[in-house]
Protein backbone atom coordinates (compact mmCIF):
# COMPACT_ATOMS: atom_id res chain seq x y z
CA UNK A 1 -57.38 -50.10 -56.48
CA UNK A 2 -58.69 -47.41 -54.13
CA UNK A 3 -62.49 -47.10 -54.26
CA UNK A 4 -62.19 -43.33 -54.52
CA UNK A 5 -59.99 -43.70 -57.60
CA UNK A 6 -62.37 -46.09 -59.34
CA UNK A 7 -65.26 -43.81 -58.43
CA UNK A 8 -63.41 -40.89 -60.02
CA UNK A 9 -62.83 -42.97 -63.13
CA UNK A 10 -66.51 -43.88 -63.38
CA UNK A 11 -67.49 -40.24 -62.86
CA UNK A 12 -65.08 -39.19 -65.62
CA UNK A 13 -66.64 -41.66 -68.06
CA UNK A 14 -70.10 -40.33 -67.23
CA UNK A 15 -68.90 -36.74 -67.60
CA UNK A 16 -67.38 -37.46 -71.00
CA UNK A 17 -70.56 -39.13 -72.25
CA UNK A 18 -72.79 -36.31 -71.07
CA UNK A 19 -70.45 -33.68 -72.49
CA UNK A 20 -71.08 -35.26 -75.88
CA UNK A 21 -74.83 -35.06 -75.25
CA UNK A 22 -75.21 -38.84 -75.30
CA UNK A 23 -77.76 -40.78 -73.29
CA UNK A 24 -76.91 -44.33 -72.21
CA UNK A 25 -78.80 -45.64 -75.22
CA UNK A 26 -77.09 -43.14 -77.53
CA UNK A 27 -73.72 -44.29 -76.24
CA UNK A 28 -74.62 -47.92 -76.86
CA UNK A 29 -75.69 -47.11 -80.41
CA UNK A 30 -72.50 -45.10 -81.04
CA UNK A 31 -70.31 -48.00 -79.90
CA UNK A 32 -72.31 -50.41 -82.04
CA UNK A 33 -71.81 -48.15 -85.05
CA UNK A 34 -68.05 -47.91 -84.44
CA UNK A 35 -67.85 -51.70 -84.23
CA UNK A 36 -69.53 -51.93 -87.63
CA UNK A 37 -67.38 -49.16 -89.18
CA UNK A 38 -64.17 -50.76 -87.92
CA UNK A 39 -65.36 -54.23 -89.00
CA UNK A 40 -65.18 -55.61 -85.50
CA UNK A 41 -67.34 -58.55 -84.42
CA UNK A 42 -70.96 -57.55 -83.96
CA UNK A 43 -71.82 -56.26 -80.48
CA UNK A 44 -74.76 -57.61 -78.45
CA UNK A 45 -78.17 -55.93 -78.68
CA UNK A 46 -78.23 -52.20 -77.90
CA UNK A 47 -80.04 -52.81 -74.61
CA UNK A 48 -77.25 -55.14 -73.49
CA UNK A 49 -74.52 -52.65 -74.44
CA UNK A 50 -76.47 -49.94 -72.63
CA UNK A 51 -76.40 -51.99 -69.42
CA UNK A 52 -72.64 -52.41 -69.80
CA UNK A 53 -72.18 -48.64 -70.15
CA UNK A 54 -74.23 -48.11 -67.00
CA UNK A 55 -72.06 -50.60 -65.07
CA UNK A 56 -68.86 -48.75 -66.09
CA UNK A 57 -70.30 -45.53 -64.66
CA UNK A 58 -71.92 -46.96 -61.52
CA UNK A 59 -71.00 -46.42 -57.86
CA UNK A 60 -69.23 -49.80 -57.93
CA UNK A 61 -67.93 -49.67 -61.51
CA UNK A 62 -66.68 -52.54 -63.63
CA UNK A 63 -63.82 -52.19 -66.09
CA UNK A 64 -64.77 -52.09 -69.79
CA UNK A 65 -63.18 -55.04 -71.57
CA UNK A 66 -60.52 -54.44 -74.21
CA UNK A 67 -63.01 -54.47 -77.08
CA UNK A 68 -65.13 -51.71 -75.56
CA UNK A 69 -62.04 -49.77 -74.49
CA UNK A 70 -60.88 -49.61 -78.10
CA UNK A 71 -64.30 -48.58 -79.40
CA UNK A 72 -64.56 -45.79 -76.84
CA UNK A 73 -61.01 -44.72 -77.71
CA UNK A 74 -62.10 -44.24 -81.33
CA UNK A 75 -65.19 -42.35 -80.18
CA UNK A 76 -63.33 -39.91 -77.92
CA UNK A 77 -60.36 -39.53 -80.28
CA UNK A 78 -62.61 -37.45 -82.53
CA UNK A 79 -64.18 -34.14 -81.69
CA UNK A 80 -67.95 -33.74 -82.19
CA UNK A 81 -67.10 -32.17 -85.55
CA UNK A 82 -65.16 -35.29 -86.58
CA UNK A 83 -61.56 -34.03 -86.27
CA UNK A 84 -58.88 -36.20 -84.65
CA UNK A 85 -57.65 -34.76 -81.34
CA UNK A 86 -55.32 -36.87 -79.19
CA UNK A 87 -53.24 -34.35 -77.25
CA UNK A 88 -53.41 -33.09 -73.70
CA UNK A 89 -56.66 -31.39 -72.75
CA UNK A 90 -58.72 -33.44 -75.20
CA UNK A 91 -61.58 -35.84 -74.48
CA UNK A 92 -59.28 -38.64 -75.57
CA UNK A 93 -56.65 -37.73 -72.97
CA UNK A 94 -59.35 -37.50 -70.30
CA UNK A 95 -60.69 -40.90 -71.36
CA UNK A 96 -57.27 -42.53 -70.97
CA UNK A 97 -56.93 -40.93 -67.52
CA UNK A 98 -60.33 -42.39 -66.58
CA UNK A 99 -59.18 -45.88 -67.58
CA UNK A 100 -56.14 -45.45 -65.38
CA UNK A 101 -58.32 -44.44 -62.45
CA UNK A 102 -60.47 -47.52 -63.02
CA UNK A 103 -57.33 -49.66 -62.68
CA UNK A 104 -56.28 -50.38 -66.24
CA UNK A 105 -52.56 -51.12 -66.50
CA UNK A 106 -50.32 -48.43 -67.93
CA UNK A 107 -48.96 -50.66 -70.67
CA UNK A 108 -52.40 -51.26 -72.15
CA UNK A 109 -53.28 -47.56 -72.01
CA UNK A 110 -50.07 -46.86 -73.94
CA UNK A 111 -51.07 -49.47 -76.51
CA UNK A 112 -54.47 -47.80 -76.95
CA UNK A 113 -52.82 -44.46 -77.54
CA UNK A 114 -50.39 -45.96 -80.05
CA UNK A 115 -53.28 -47.62 -81.91
CA UNK A 116 -55.06 -44.29 -82.32
CA UNK A 117 -51.84 -42.55 -83.38
CA UNK A 118 -51.49 -45.18 -86.09
CA UNK A 119 -55.03 -44.39 -87.19
CA UNK A 120 -54.14 -40.69 -87.28
CA UNK A 121 -51.19 -41.25 -89.61
CA UNK A 122 -53.21 -43.69 -91.75
CA UNK A 123 -55.69 -40.87 -92.26
CA UNK A 124 -52.94 -38.42 -93.22
CA UNK A 125 -53.06 -36.63 -89.87
CA UNK A 126 -49.92 -35.31 -88.26
CA UNK A 127 -49.16 -32.66 -85.70
CA UNK A 128 -52.73 -31.37 -85.43
CA UNK A 129 -53.91 -34.73 -84.11
CA UNK A 130 -51.64 -34.24 -81.10
CA UNK A 131 -53.21 -30.92 -80.17
CA UNK A 132 -56.43 -29.83 -78.56
CA UNK A 133 -58.76 -27.69 -80.71
CA UNK A 134 -57.95 -24.65 -78.57
CA UNK A 135 -54.23 -25.17 -79.03
CA UNK A 136 -54.73 -25.53 -82.78
CA UNK A 137 -56.48 -22.17 -82.92
CA UNK A 138 -53.79 -20.47 -80.83
CA UNK A 139 -51.01 -21.84 -83.01
CA UNK A 140 -52.81 -20.80 -86.19
CA UNK A 141 -53.08 -17.24 -84.85
CA UNK A 142 -49.37 -17.19 -83.97
CA UNK A 143 -48.41 -18.34 -87.46
CA UNK A 144 -50.44 -15.52 -88.99
CA UNK A 145 -48.85 -13.02 -86.61
CA UNK A 146 -45.82 -14.27 -84.58
CA UNK A 147 -46.10 -11.27 -82.27
CA UNK A 148 -49.22 -12.95 -80.84
CA UNK A 149 -47.27 -16.05 -79.77
CA UNK A 150 -47.35 -16.74 -76.03
CA UNK A 151 -46.32 -19.36 -73.48
CA UNK A 152 -49.12 -21.65 -74.67
CA UNK A 153 -47.63 -21.59 -78.20
CA UNK A 154 -44.28 -22.89 -76.98
CA UNK A 155 -45.95 -25.38 -74.63
CA UNK A 156 -48.05 -26.76 -77.47
CA UNK A 157 -45.05 -27.34 -79.72
CA UNK A 158 -43.01 -28.87 -76.88
CA UNK A 159 -45.91 -31.20 -76.12
CA UNK A 160 -46.11 -32.35 -79.75
CA UNK A 161 -42.38 -33.13 -79.80
CA UNK A 162 -42.61 -34.99 -76.49
CA UNK A 163 -45.59 -37.00 -77.75
CA UNK A 164 -43.72 -38.05 -80.90
CA UNK A 165 -40.57 -38.85 -78.92
CA UNK A 166 -42.59 -41.04 -76.55
CA UNK A 167 -43.69 -43.16 -79.52
CA UNK A 168 -40.16 -44.09 -80.62
CA UNK A 169 -40.13 -47.85 -80.37
CA UNK A 170 -43.91 -48.12 -80.71
CA UNK A 171 -44.57 -46.61 -84.13
CA UNK A 172 -42.53 -46.93 -87.35
CA UNK A 173 -40.16 -44.04 -87.96
CA UNK A 174 -41.90 -43.10 -91.21
CA UNK A 175 -45.07 -42.39 -89.24
CA UNK A 176 -43.18 -40.42 -86.62
CA UNK A 177 -41.65 -38.26 -89.33
CA UNK A 178 -45.10 -37.49 -90.70
CA UNK A 179 -46.27 -36.36 -87.27
CA UNK A 180 -43.16 -34.33 -86.42
CA UNK A 181 -42.38 -32.50 -89.66
CA UNK A 182 -45.06 -29.79 -89.21
CA UNK A 183 -43.72 -28.96 -85.74
CA UNK A 184 -40.20 -28.48 -87.11
CA UNK A 185 -41.45 -26.14 -89.81
CA UNK A 186 -43.69 -24.24 -87.39
CA UNK A 187 -40.76 -23.60 -85.05
CA UNK A 188 -38.72 -22.27 -87.97
CA UNK A 189 -41.44 -19.91 -89.11
CA UNK A 190 -42.12 -18.55 -85.65
CA UNK A 191 -38.44 -18.00 -84.79
CA UNK A 192 -38.05 -16.09 -88.05
CA UNK A 193 -40.86 -13.72 -87.07
CA UNK A 194 -41.18 -10.79 -84.65
CA UNK A 195 -41.69 -12.87 -81.49
CA UNK A 196 -42.28 -11.33 -78.06
CA UNK A 197 -38.84 -11.48 -76.40
CA UNK A 198 -39.95 -13.43 -73.28
CA UNK A 199 -41.23 -16.27 -75.50
CA UNK A 200 -38.03 -16.79 -77.49
CA UNK A 201 -36.16 -19.13 -75.05
CA UNK A 202 -39.11 -21.50 -74.61
CA UNK A 203 -39.78 -21.62 -78.33
CA UNK A 204 -36.09 -22.19 -79.05
CA UNK A 205 -36.10 -25.16 -76.64
CA UNK A 206 -38.96 -26.64 -78.62
CA UNK A 207 -37.09 -26.01 -81.86
CA UNK A 208 -33.93 -27.73 -80.59
CA UNK A 209 -35.89 -30.78 -79.44
CA UNK A 210 -37.89 -30.93 -82.68
CA UNK A 211 -34.89 -30.57 -85.01
CA UNK A 212 -32.71 -33.07 -83.11
CA UNK A 213 -35.48 -35.66 -83.04
CA UNK A 214 -36.27 -35.04 -86.71
CA UNK A 215 -32.57 -35.48 -87.53
CA UNK A 216 -32.47 -38.82 -85.77
CA UNK A 217 -35.68 -39.95 -87.52
CA UNK A 218 -34.31 -38.84 -90.92
CA UNK A 219 -31.21 -40.96 -90.31
CA UNK A 220 -33.34 -43.97 -89.32
CA UNK A 221 -35.23 -43.77 -92.62
CA UNK A 222 -31.95 -43.40 -94.56
CA UNK A 223 -32.14 -39.71 -95.48
CA UNK A 224 -28.61 -38.77 -94.45
CA UNK A 225 -28.57 -35.36 -96.16
CA UNK A 226 -31.70 -34.24 -94.32
CA UNK A 227 -30.31 -35.66 -91.08
CA UNK A 228 -27.10 -33.62 -91.33
CA UNK A 229 -29.01 -30.43 -92.13
CA UNK A 230 -31.37 -30.91 -89.19
CA UNK A 231 -28.50 -31.61 -86.79
CA UNK A 232 -26.81 -28.41 -87.95
CA UNK A 233 -30.05 -26.52 -87.28
CA UNK A 234 -30.44 -28.08 -83.83
CA UNK A 235 -26.81 -27.33 -82.94
CA UNK A 236 -27.17 -23.69 -84.00
CA UNK A 237 -30.36 -23.12 -82.02
CA UNK A 238 -28.98 -24.94 -78.96
CA UNK A 239 -25.92 -22.69 -78.92
CA UNK A 240 -28.24 -19.65 -78.78
CA UNK A 241 -30.04 -21.04 -75.71
CA UNK A 242 -27.09 -20.87 -73.34
CA UNK A 243 -27.92 -24.28 -71.82
CA UNK A 244 -24.87 -26.50 -72.40
CA UNK A 245 -26.61 -29.75 -71.48
CA UNK A 246 -29.07 -29.34 -74.35
CA UNK A 247 -26.24 -28.59 -76.75
CA UNK A 248 -24.35 -31.66 -75.52
CA UNK A 249 -27.41 -33.82 -76.18
CA UNK A 250 -27.50 -32.68 -79.80
CA UNK A 251 -23.80 -33.46 -80.23
CA UNK A 252 -24.31 -36.94 -78.79
CA UNK A 253 -27.28 -37.77 -80.98
CA UNK A 254 -25.33 -36.58 -84.02
CA UNK A 255 -22.29 -38.60 -82.92
CA UNK A 256 -24.30 -41.81 -82.68
CA UNK A 257 -25.76 -41.57 -86.17
CA UNK A 258 -22.32 -40.58 -87.51
CA UNK A 259 -20.80 -43.64 -85.88
CA UNK A 260 -23.34 -45.92 -87.53
CA UNK A 261 -23.51 -44.26 -90.95
CA UNK A 262 -19.83 -43.94 -91.89
CA UNK A 263 -16.77 -46.15 -91.92
CA UNK A 264 -14.31 -45.25 -89.18
CA UNK A 265 -14.87 -43.39 -85.95
CA UNK A 266 -12.92 -40.14 -86.37
CA UNK A 267 -15.92 -37.89 -87.10
CA UNK A 268 -17.94 -39.50 -84.34
CA UNK A 269 -15.05 -39.01 -81.91
CA UNK A 270 -14.89 -35.29 -82.71
CA UNK A 271 -18.59 -34.90 -81.93
CA UNK A 272 -18.37 -36.96 -78.75
CA UNK A 273 -15.41 -34.97 -77.46
CA UNK A 274 -17.35 -31.79 -78.16
CA UNK A 275 -20.30 -33.22 -76.23
CA UNK A 276 -18.06 -34.02 -73.25
CA UNK A 277 -16.53 -30.55 -73.21
CA UNK A 278 -19.94 -28.93 -73.44
CA UNK A 279 -21.57 -31.21 -70.85
CA UNK A 280 -18.84 -30.42 -68.33
CA UNK A 281 -19.92 -26.78 -68.37
CA UNK A 282 -23.59 -27.65 -67.86
CA UNK A 283 -25.70 -28.58 -64.86
CA UNK A 284 -26.93 -32.06 -65.85
CA UNK A 285 -25.05 -34.97 -64.28
CA UNK A 286 -27.05 -37.40 -66.42
CA UNK A 287 -25.97 -35.72 -69.65
CA UNK A 288 -22.35 -35.78 -68.46
CA UNK A 289 -22.73 -39.47 -67.64
CA UNK A 290 -24.07 -40.26 -71.10
CA UNK A 291 -21.36 -38.19 -72.81
CA UNK A 292 -18.60 -40.02 -70.94
CA UNK A 293 -20.26 -43.39 -71.66
CA UNK A 294 -20.28 -42.64 -75.38
CA UNK A 295 -16.68 -41.47 -75.14
CA UNK A 296 -15.83 -44.81 -73.52
CA UNK A 297 -17.47 -46.72 -76.39
CA UNK A 298 -15.54 -44.74 -79.00
CA UNK A 299 -12.27 -45.42 -77.18
CA UNK A 300 -13.07 -49.14 -76.89
CA UNK A 301 -13.86 -49.42 -80.58
CA UNK A 302 -10.44 -47.87 -81.24
CA UNK A 303 -8.78 -50.45 -78.96
CA UNK A 304 -7.93 -47.88 -76.26
CA UNK A 305 -8.67 -49.86 -73.11
CA UNK A 306 -7.23 -47.43 -70.56
CA UNK A 307 -9.07 -44.42 -72.00
CA UNK A 308 -12.28 -46.45 -72.19
CA UNK A 309 -12.10 -47.49 -68.54
CA UNK A 310 -11.34 -43.94 -67.43
CA UNK A 311 -14.39 -42.59 -69.27
CA UNK A 312 -16.60 -45.33 -67.81
CA UNK A 313 -15.42 -44.40 -64.32
CA UNK A 314 -16.42 -40.78 -64.89
CA UNK A 315 -19.80 -41.90 -66.19
CA UNK A 316 -20.48 -44.05 -63.12
CA UNK A 317 -19.46 -41.15 -60.88
CA UNK A 318 -22.17 -38.98 -62.42
CA UNK A 319 -24.79 -41.76 -62.53
CA UNK A 320 -24.39 -42.38 -58.81
CA UNK A 321 -24.82 -38.70 -57.88
CA UNK A 322 -28.10 -37.05 -56.87
CA UNK A 323 -30.41 -36.55 -59.88
CA UNK A 324 -33.44 -35.15 -58.09
CA UNK A 325 -33.05 -31.73 -59.72
CA UNK A 326 -31.40 -32.84 -62.94
CA UNK A 327 -32.81 -30.82 -65.88
CA UNK A 328 -32.51 -33.84 -68.18
CA UNK A 329 -34.99 -35.84 -66.10
CA UNK A 330 -34.54 -39.61 -66.46
CA UNK A 331 -32.85 -39.53 -69.85
CA UNK A 332 -29.99 -41.86 -68.86
CA UNK A 333 -29.79 -44.64 -66.29
CA UNK A 334 -27.57 -47.35 -64.88
CA UNK A 335 -29.35 -49.76 -67.26
CA UNK A 336 -28.21 -47.71 -70.24
CA UNK A 337 -24.69 -47.46 -68.81
CA UNK A 338 -24.41 -51.23 -68.40
CA UNK A 339 -25.05 -51.49 -72.13
CA UNK A 340 -22.10 -49.17 -72.78
CA UNK A 341 -19.99 -51.24 -70.37
CA UNK A 342 -20.88 -54.32 -72.37
CA UNK A 343 -19.76 -52.70 -75.63
CA UNK A 344 -16.44 -51.73 -74.04
CA UNK A 345 -15.89 -55.27 -72.75
CA UNK A 346 -16.77 -56.61 -76.19
CA UNK A 347 -13.98 -54.65 -77.84
CA UNK A 348 -11.26 -54.43 -75.17
CA UNK A 349 -12.26 -56.92 -72.49
CA UNK A 350 -13.89 -60.24 -71.81
CA UNK A 351 -16.81 -61.32 -74.08
CA UNK A 352 -18.33 -63.37 -71.24
CA UNK A 353 -18.40 -60.29 -69.01
CA UNK A 354 -19.79 -58.28 -71.91
CA UNK A 355 -22.57 -60.85 -72.41
CA UNK A 356 -23.67 -60.64 -68.79
CA UNK A 357 -23.72 -56.85 -68.85
CA UNK A 358 -25.73 -56.81 -72.07
CA UNK A 359 -28.22 -59.23 -70.50
CA UNK A 360 -28.68 -57.00 -67.44
CA UNK A 361 -29.02 -53.92 -69.62
CA UNK A 362 -31.64 -55.55 -71.88
CA UNK A 363 -33.61 -56.68 -68.83
CA UNK A 364 -33.70 -53.09 -67.55
CA UNK A 365 -34.82 -51.58 -70.88
CA UNK A 366 -38.51 -52.46 -70.72
CA UNK A 367 -40.36 -49.23 -71.55
CA UNK A 368 -41.84 -48.87 -75.06
CA UNK A 369 -39.55 -45.87 -75.63
CA UNK A 370 -36.54 -48.13 -74.93
CA UNK A 371 -37.31 -50.94 -77.35
CA UNK A 372 -35.00 -49.66 -80.10
CA UNK A 373 -32.15 -49.44 -77.60
CA UNK A 374 -33.05 -52.88 -76.26
CA UNK A 375 -32.81 -54.36 -79.77
CA UNK A 376 -29.36 -52.80 -80.18
CA UNK A 377 -28.16 -54.14 -76.83
CA UNK A 378 -29.52 -57.62 -77.57
CA UNK A 379 -27.74 -57.69 -80.93
CA UNK A 380 -24.50 -56.83 -79.15
CA UNK A 381 -25.26 -59.63 -76.69
CA UNK A 382 -25.42 -61.99 -79.66
CA UNK A 383 -22.01 -60.74 -80.82
CA UNK A 384 -20.64 -61.61 -77.40
CA UNK A 385 -22.00 -65.15 -77.77
CA UNK A 386 -20.23 -65.50 -81.10
CA UNK A 387 -16.95 -64.46 -79.51
CA UNK A 388 -17.62 -66.94 -76.70
CA UNK A 389 -17.72 -69.61 -79.46
CA UNK A 390 -21.45 -70.25 -79.11
CA UNK A 391 -22.73 -69.23 -82.57
CA UNK A 392 -25.96 -71.23 -82.39
CA UNK A 393 -27.05 -69.45 -79.20
CA UNK A 394 -26.12 -66.16 -80.90
CA UNK A 395 -28.35 -66.98 -83.88
CA UNK A 396 -31.25 -67.76 -81.55
CA UNK A 397 -30.89 -64.35 -79.96
CA UNK A 398 -30.66 -62.61 -83.35
CA UNK A 399 -34.06 -64.02 -84.33
CA UNK A 400 -35.52 -61.92 -81.48
CA UNK A 401 -33.62 -58.87 -82.71
CA UNK A 402 -35.04 -59.21 -86.23
CA UNK A 403 -38.57 -59.07 -84.85
CA UNK A 404 -37.74 -55.99 -82.77
CA UNK A 405 -36.04 -54.23 -85.68
CA UNK A 406 -39.04 -54.62 -87.97
CA UNK A 407 -41.50 -53.09 -85.51
CA UNK A 408 -40.06 -49.59 -86.02
CA UNK A 409 -38.20 -49.86 -89.31
CA UNK A 410 -35.15 -48.47 -87.52
CA UNK A 411 -31.84 -48.34 -89.34
CA UNK A 412 -29.46 -48.80 -86.40
CA UNK A 413 -30.82 -52.20 -85.29
CA UNK A 414 -30.67 -53.34 -88.93
CA UNK A 415 -27.03 -52.24 -89.22
CA UNK A 416 -26.14 -54.07 -86.03
CA UNK A 417 -27.94 -57.18 -87.29
CA UNK A 418 -25.97 -57.19 -90.52
CA UNK A 419 -22.69 -56.82 -88.64
CA UNK A 420 -23.61 -59.70 -86.33
CA UNK A 421 -24.58 -61.87 -89.31
CA UNK A 422 -21.22 -61.07 -90.92
CA UNK A 423 -19.45 -62.52 -87.88
CA UNK A 424 -21.39 -65.76 -88.36
CA UNK A 425 -19.75 -66.36 -91.76
CA UNK A 426 -17.50 -69.18 -90.49
CA UNK A 427 -20.69 -71.15 -89.76
CA UNK A 428 -22.55 -70.15 -92.95
CA UNK A 429 -23.13 -73.80 -93.94
CA UNK A 430 -24.86 -74.62 -90.66
CA UNK A 431 -28.64 -75.01 -90.59
CA UNK A 432 -29.05 -72.45 -87.80
CA UNK A 433 -27.36 -69.78 -89.96
CA UNK A 434 -29.52 -70.74 -92.96
CA UNK A 435 -32.62 -70.34 -90.80
CA UNK A 436 -31.40 -66.91 -89.69
CA UNK A 437 -30.76 -65.89 -93.29
CA UNK A 438 -34.27 -66.97 -94.27
CA UNK A 439 -35.70 -64.87 -91.45
CA UNK A 440 -33.59 -61.86 -92.47
CA UNK A 441 -34.69 -62.20 -96.08
CA UNK A 442 -38.35 -62.58 -95.19
CA UNK A 443 -38.44 -59.64 -92.81
CA UNK A 444 -35.69 -57.21 -93.80
CA UNK A 445 -35.16 -58.17 -97.42
CA UNK A 446 -31.42 -58.57 -96.83
């Protein structure tokens, strides 16, 4: 780690402490009090903690250990008045940046943030916890009088949606719904008001993202009626934006939940074909790639090998193009596409080939945001093992999938698990299937 970076991190910690009006001794006492309030093991004497604080802020700083990092996270997650504030521009965000400058790994910083978001939902907090106090005031003013909405209003709502989306795979869906619901309603109220015309497109983008994500979350927690209504809302607002790639994304998300929630694939196919047509008129190669990949999966599930391979070829063409200016960012990758290839091989190809592609896809899906997808891919990998006549190895893999499915409470991994278990019926008298059933009953109640 560059000495200048660690020095900046130490300076940021000192700046945060002084901004709160805390001396070194005050900081030590505050951390000691948080340890007591959170029922953590007792800290050393205040003088010893004070020396530790001084070392973190010194010219040659040391890294706070994980215990102190968590205590400081709780301290800076609350404003001086006691309100939770975790969004950009807050002391908490600046604290996490300081840890990064000191050399803390990104994965642990993400875990700290997730821990505090859990605390926010435990306390009944939602959207406001993801905003700075200034942003809260600006949004409150816009709700009273939408004509006062400005770029910061739309940015704040977009940031909330992005923050919630980033926690998919880290927090249970019921918590994510609690945090997102106020943003969905706020977008509705503002778009219904007399907004300044220049603000409408940015606010509509936030509304599309919020409604589509809320629809997916509603499906995951088994509220299909709410999911359909939210997808309809997202589709309507996306059509008004005039950005086909966003509209295609909504169609694809809706197609996926339709595929998993209903028997048959006809309704999902209609949505996927609409996504492909829309994506072709847009300027995102990554969205086109994902649309064609989903089209390939639908064709494979219907036993249409030639159509499936043709769609996969189109998807690879777009994946291998230049994405430097793609408006969809890094929303789809070759790792995701290999998972789709595996599904196609599973239904209209070679299960051994499918297994290898699932394994490569799972290995590439390592980010917290990708853990739900990784659980789905790994379940499909287990299906491939069953079709390769290795049911015991499949059961071993499904034990991992059960653990992943329970971390978020997601519906799709659970559906895939049940389907995989159904294919193990010929071996239902084997001990390895009984062990799997016990695990499913203990964890999923199924």
